[in-house]
């Protein structure tokens, strides 16, 4: 990806902010039970999102491919081997015509 380093850096900054937010949530004393439930739900949602993001990032790092890479690989293979296969097909057709 063109901006891979920038995206990784931004993700790290976001995760650090989320970590600080979660730590602040754990340290604060709730004044109201309802507010505590909402903050706890937010903290759980953030933890879940961070877990999903980490799993997605590990899956993509293990794969080593990006969104359009498979299409690009197929297209480049056709561009390289297409003319060769076309010439071979023409030679085989010519040979078949001349020998029959």
N, C-alpha and C. Protein backbone atom coordinates (compact mmCIF):
# COMPACT_ATOMS: atom_id res chain seq x y z
N UNK A 1 0.84 -1.17 0.00
CA UNK A 1 0.00 0.00 0.00
C UNK A 1 0.89 1.24 0.00
N UNK A 2 0.41 2.28 -0.64
CA UNK A 2 1.21 3.47 -0.81
C UNK A 2 1.50 4.16 0.51
N UNK A 3 0.51 4.27 1.37
CA UNK A 3 0.67 4.97 2.64
C UNK A 3 0.67 3.99 3.81
N UNK A 4 1.31 2.85 3.65
CA UNK A 4 1.29 1.80 4.66
C UNK A 4 1.88 2.28 5.98
N UNK A 5 3.01 2.98 5.94
CA UNK A 5 3.64 3.45 7.17
C UNK A 5 2.76 4.47 7.89
N UNK A 6 2.13 5.34 7.11
CA UNK A 6 1.27 6.35 7.71
C UNK A 6 0.05 5.71 8.37
N UNK A 7 -0.53 4.72 7.72
CA UNK A 7 -1.70 4.04 8.28
C UNK A 7 -1.30 3.32 9.57
N UNK A 8 -0.17 2.63 9.56
CA UNK A 8 0.27 1.93 10.78
C UNK A 8 0.51 2.91 11.91
N UNK A 9 1.15 4.06 11.60
CA UNK A 9 1.42 5.06 12.62
C UNK A 9 0.10 5.61 13.19
N UNK A 10 -0.86 5.89 12.31
CA UNK A 10 -2.15 6.40 12.77
C UNK A 10 -2.89 5.37 13.62
N UNK A 11 -2.80 4.09 13.23
CA UNK A 11 -3.44 3.04 14.03
C UNK A 11 -2.81 2.94 15.42
N UNK A 12 -1.49 3.08 15.48
CA UNK A 12 -0.82 3.03 16.78
C UNK A 12 -1.25 4.21 17.65
N UNK A 13 -1.37 5.40 17.06
CA UNK A 13 -1.81 6.57 17.82
C UNK A 13 -3.23 6.35 18.33
N UNK A 14 -4.10 5.83 17.47
CA UNK A 14 -5.48 5.57 17.87
C UNK A 14 -5.55 4.55 19.01
N UNK A 15 -4.75 3.49 18.89
CA UNK A 15 -4.75 2.47 19.94
C UNK A 15 -4.24 3.04 21.26
N UNK A 16 -3.24 3.92 21.19
CA UNK A 16 -2.71 4.54 22.41
C UNK A 16 -3.78 5.43 23.05
N UNK A 17 -4.51 6.18 22.25
CA UNK A 17 -5.59 7.01 22.79
C UNK A 17 -6.67 6.15 23.43
N UNK A 18 -7.02 5.06 22.77
CA UNK A 18 -8.03 4.15 23.33
C UNK A 18 -7.54 3.53 24.63
N UNK A 19 -6.26 3.16 24.67
CA UNK A 19 -5.69 2.60 25.90
C UNK A 19 -5.78 3.60 27.04
N UNK A 20 -5.41 4.87 26.76
CA UNK A 20 -5.49 5.91 27.80
C UNK A 20 -6.94 6.12 28.26
N UNK A 21 -7.87 6.08 27.31
CA UNK A 21 -9.28 6.24 27.65
C UNK A 21 -9.75 5.10 28.54
N UNK A 22 -9.36 3.88 28.19
CA UNK A 22 -9.76 2.72 29.01
C UNK A 22 -9.16 2.80 30.40
N UNK A 23 -7.91 3.23 30.51
CA UNK A 23 -7.29 3.38 31.82
C UNK A 23 -8.01 4.44 32.64
N UNK A 24 -8.39 5.54 31.99
CA UNK A 24 -9.12 6.60 32.70
C UNK A 24 -10.48 6.09 33.16
N UNK A 25 -11.12 5.26 32.34
CA UNK A 25 -12.42 4.71 32.72
C UNK A 25 -12.29 3.80 33.93
N UNK A 26 -11.22 3.05 33.99
CA UNK A 26 -11.03 2.13 35.12
C UNK A 26 -10.67 2.87 36.40
N UNK A 27 -10.05 4.04 36.28
CA UNK A 27 -9.60 4.77 37.47
C UNK A 27 -10.66 5.69 38.05
N UNK A 28 -11.62 6.13 37.25
CA UNK A 28 -12.62 7.08 37.74
C UNK A 28 -13.66 6.38 38.60
N UNK A 29 -14.11 7.10 39.59
CA UNK A 29 -15.19 6.63 40.46
C UNK A 29 -16.51 7.11 39.87
N UNK A 30 -17.44 6.20 39.61
CA UNK A 30 -18.71 6.64 39.03
C UNK A 30 -19.56 7.36 40.08
N UNK A 31 -20.10 8.49 39.69
CA UNK A 31 -20.97 9.23 40.59
C UNK A 31 -22.41 8.74 40.47
N UNK A 32 -22.72 8.23 39.32
CA UNK A 32 -24.07 7.77 39.06
C UNK A 32 -23.99 6.37 38.47
N UNK A 33 -24.82 5.48 38.92
CA UNK A 33 -24.79 4.10 38.46
C UNK A 33 -25.09 4.00 36.96
N UNK A 34 -26.01 4.82 36.48
CA UNK A 34 -26.36 4.80 35.06
C UNK A 34 -25.18 5.25 34.20
N UNK A 35 -24.51 6.30 34.64
CA UNK A 35 -23.35 6.80 33.91
C UNK A 35 -22.25 5.74 33.88
N UNK A 36 -22.09 5.04 34.98
CA UNK A 36 -21.08 3.98 35.03
C UNK A 36 -21.39 2.88 34.03
N UNK A 37 -22.67 2.51 33.93
CA UNK A 37 -23.06 1.47 32.97
C UNK A 37 -22.76 1.90 31.54
N UNK A 38 -23.07 3.17 31.21
CA UNK A 38 -22.79 3.68 29.86
C UNK A 38 -21.29 3.69 29.58
N UNK A 39 -20.50 4.18 30.57
CA UNK A 39 -19.05 4.22 30.39
C UNK A 39 -18.47 2.82 30.28
N UNK A 40 -18.99 1.90 31.07
CA UNK A 40 -18.52 0.52 31.00
C UNK A 40 -18.84 -0.09 29.64
N UNK A 41 -20.04 0.20 29.13
CA UNK A 41 -20.42 -0.30 27.81
C UNK A 41 -19.51 0.29 26.73
N UNK A 42 -19.20 1.60 26.85
CA UNK A 42 -18.27 2.23 25.89
C UNK A 42 -16.90 1.56 25.97
N UNK A 43 -16.42 1.34 27.16
CA UNK A 43 -15.11 0.72 27.34
C UNK A 43 -15.10 -0.69 26.76
N UNK A 44 -16.17 -1.44 26.98
CA UNK A 44 -16.24 -2.79 26.41
C UNK A 44 -16.29 -2.75 24.89
N UNK A 45 -17.04 -1.78 24.35
CA UNK A 45 -17.10 -1.63 22.88
C UNK A 45 -15.72 -1.29 22.31
N UNK A 46 -15.00 -0.43 22.99
CA UNK A 46 -13.66 -0.06 22.53
C UNK A 46 -12.73 -1.26 22.61
N UNK A 47 -12.80 -2.01 23.71
CA UNK A 47 -11.96 -3.21 23.82
C UNK A 47 -12.27 -4.20 22.71
N UNK A 48 -13.55 -4.39 22.43
CA UNK A 48 -13.97 -5.31 21.38
C UNK A 48 -13.47 -4.83 20.02
N UNK A 49 -13.59 -3.53 19.76
CA UNK A 49 -13.11 -2.98 18.49
C UNK A 49 -11.60 -3.12 18.36
N UNK A 50 -10.88 -2.90 19.45
CA UNK A 50 -9.43 -3.05 19.42
C UNK A 50 -9.04 -4.50 19.16
N UNK A 51 -9.76 -5.44 19.76
CA UNK A 51 -9.50 -6.86 19.54
C UNK A 51 -9.75 -7.24 18.08
N UNK A 52 -10.87 -6.74 17.53
CA UNK A 52 -11.17 -7.03 16.13
C UNK A 52 -10.14 -6.42 15.19
N UNK A 53 -9.72 -5.18 15.50
CA UNK A 53 -8.72 -4.52 14.66
C UNK A 53 -7.40 -5.27 14.71
N UNK A 54 -7.03 -5.74 15.89
CA UNK A 54 -5.78 -6.49 16.02
C UNK A 54 -5.85 -7.80 15.25
N UNK A 55 -6.97 -8.49 15.33
CA UNK A 55 -7.14 -9.75 14.60
C UNK A 55 -7.12 -9.50 13.10
N UNK A 56 -7.79 -8.44 12.65
CA UNK A 56 -7.81 -8.11 11.21
C UNK A 56 -6.40 -7.78 10.72
N UNK A 57 -5.67 -7.00 11.51
CA UNK A 57 -4.30 -6.61 11.13
C UNK A 57 -3.40 -7.84 11.06
N UNK A 58 -3.51 -8.75 12.04
CA UNK A 58 -2.70 -9.97 12.02
C UNK A 58 -3.05 -10.84 10.82
N UNK A 59 -4.33 -10.92 10.49
CA UNK A 59 -4.75 -11.70 9.34
C UNK A 59 -4.17 -11.13 8.05
N UNK A 60 -4.19 -9.81 7.90
CA UNK A 60 -3.65 -9.18 6.70
C UNK A 60 -2.13 -9.28 6.65
N UNK A 61 -1.47 -9.18 7.80
CA UNK A 61 -0.02 -9.30 7.81
C UNK A 61 0.40 -10.72 7.48
N UNK A 62 -0.35 -11.70 7.93
CA UNK A 62 -0.03 -13.09 7.62
C UNK A 62 -0.20 -13.35 6.13
N UNK A 63 -1.22 -12.75 5.54
CA UNK A 63 -1.51 -12.96 4.14
C UNK A 63 -0.49 -12.27 3.24
N UNK A 64 -0.10 -11.07 3.58
CA UNK A 64 0.88 -10.35 2.80
C UNK A 64 0.31 -9.74 1.53
N UNK A 65 -0.99 -9.82 1.31
CA UNK A 65 -1.61 -9.26 0.12
C UNK A 65 -2.59 -8.17 0.52
N UNK A 66 -2.80 -7.25 -0.41
CA UNK A 66 -3.76 -6.20 -0.17
C UNK A 66 -4.98 -6.40 -1.05
N UNK A 67 -5.88 -5.45 -1.02
CA UNK A 67 -7.18 -5.60 -1.66
C UNK A 67 -7.10 -5.92 -3.15
N UNK A 68 -6.34 -5.17 -3.94
CA UNK A 68 -6.31 -5.35 -5.38
C UNK A 68 -5.13 -6.17 -5.88
N UNK A 69 -4.40 -6.80 -4.98
CA UNK A 69 -3.19 -7.51 -5.39
C UNK A 69 -3.47 -8.74 -6.25
N UNK A 70 -4.50 -9.49 -5.94
CA UNK A 70 -4.80 -10.71 -6.70
C UNK A 70 -5.16 -10.35 -8.14
N UNK A 71 -5.99 -9.33 -8.30
CA UNK A 71 -6.35 -8.88 -9.65
C UNK A 71 -5.11 -8.41 -10.41
N UNK A 72 -4.24 -7.67 -9.75
CA UNK A 72 -3.02 -7.18 -10.39
C UNK A 72 -2.11 -8.33 -10.80
N UNK A 73 -2.02 -9.36 -9.95
CA UNK A 73 -1.19 -10.52 -10.28
C UNK A 73 -1.73 -11.25 -11.51
N UNK A 74 -3.03 -11.44 -11.57
CA UNK A 74 -3.64 -12.13 -12.71
C UNK A 74 -3.46 -11.31 -13.98
N UNK A 75 -3.70 -10.01 -13.89
CA UNK A 75 -3.55 -9.14 -15.05
C UNK A 75 -2.11 -9.13 -15.56
N UNK A 76 -1.16 -9.02 -14.67
CA UNK A 76 0.24 -9.00 -15.10
C UNK A 76 0.65 -10.35 -15.70
N UNK A 77 0.13 -11.45 -15.16
CA UNK A 77 0.43 -12.77 -15.73
C UNK A 77 -0.14 -12.87 -17.14
N UNK A 78 -1.35 -12.35 -17.34
CA UNK A 78 -1.93 -12.37 -18.69
C UNK A 78 -1.14 -11.49 -19.65
N UNK A 79 -0.66 -10.37 -19.19
CA UNK A 79 0.13 -9.49 -20.04
C UNK A 79 1.48 -10.11 -20.41
N UNK A 80 2.04 -10.88 -19.51
CA UNK A 80 3.34 -11.51 -19.79
C UNK A 80 3.16 -12.77 -20.64
N UNK A 81 2.26 -13.65 -20.23
CA UNK A 81 2.14 -14.93 -20.91
C UNK A 81 1.13 -14.92 -22.06
N UNK A 82 0.28 -13.92 -22.13
CA UNK A 82 -0.71 -13.83 -23.20
C UNK A 82 -0.10 -13.82 -24.59
N UNK A 83 0.85 -12.92 -24.87
CA UNK A 83 1.47 -12.92 -26.20
C UNK A 83 2.20 -14.23 -26.53
N UNK A 84 2.83 -14.83 -25.53
CA UNK A 84 3.53 -16.09 -25.76
C UNK A 84 2.53 -17.17 -26.14
N UNK A 85 1.43 -17.27 -25.41
CA UNK A 85 0.40 -18.26 -25.71
C UNK A 85 -0.25 -17.98 -27.06
N UNK A 86 -0.42 -16.72 -27.41
CA UNK A 86 -1.00 -16.36 -28.71
C UNK A 86 -0.08 -16.80 -29.85
N UNK A 87 1.21 -16.56 -29.71
CA UNK A 87 2.17 -16.99 -30.75
C UNK A 87 2.20 -18.50 -30.86
N UNK A 88 2.20 -19.20 -29.74
CA UNK A 88 2.18 -20.67 -29.78
C UNK A 88 0.90 -21.18 -30.44
N UNK A 89 -0.23 -20.57 -30.15
CA UNK A 89 -1.49 -20.98 -30.76
C UNK A 89 -1.45 -20.74 -32.27
N UNK A 90 -0.88 -19.62 -32.69
CA UNK A 90 -0.76 -19.34 -34.12
C UNK A 90 0.16 -20.35 -34.81
N UNK A 91 1.27 -20.69 -34.16
CA UNK A 91 2.20 -21.67 -34.72
C UNK A 91 1.55 -23.05 -34.83
N UNK A 92 0.81 -23.45 -33.80
CA UNK A 92 0.13 -24.74 -33.84
C UNK A 92 -0.95 -24.76 -34.92
N UNK A 93 -1.67 -23.66 -35.07
CA UNK A 93 -2.70 -23.57 -36.11
C UNK A 93 -2.06 -23.63 -37.48
N UNK A 94 -0.98 -22.91 -37.67
CA UNK A 94 -0.26 -22.92 -38.94
C UNK A 94 0.29 -24.30 -39.26
N UNK A 95 0.86 -24.95 -38.26
CA UNK A 95 1.39 -26.31 -38.44
C UNK A 95 0.27 -27.28 -38.79
N UNK A 96 -0.87 -27.15 -38.14
CA UNK A 96 -2.00 -28.05 -38.42
C UNK A 96 -2.52 -27.84 -39.85
N UNK A 97 -2.59 -26.56 -40.27
CA UNK A 97 -3.07 -26.26 -41.62
C UNK A 97 -2.10 -26.81 -42.67
N UNK A 98 -0.82 -26.62 -42.46
CA UNK A 98 0.18 -27.05 -43.44
C UNK A 98 0.34 -28.56 -43.50
N UNK A 99 0.12 -29.25 -42.41
CA UNK A 99 0.32 -30.69 -42.38
C UNK A 99 -0.92 -31.47 -42.77
N UNK A 100 -2.05 -30.84 -42.88
CA UNK A 100 -3.27 -31.55 -43.30
C UNK A 100 -3.67 -31.21 -44.66
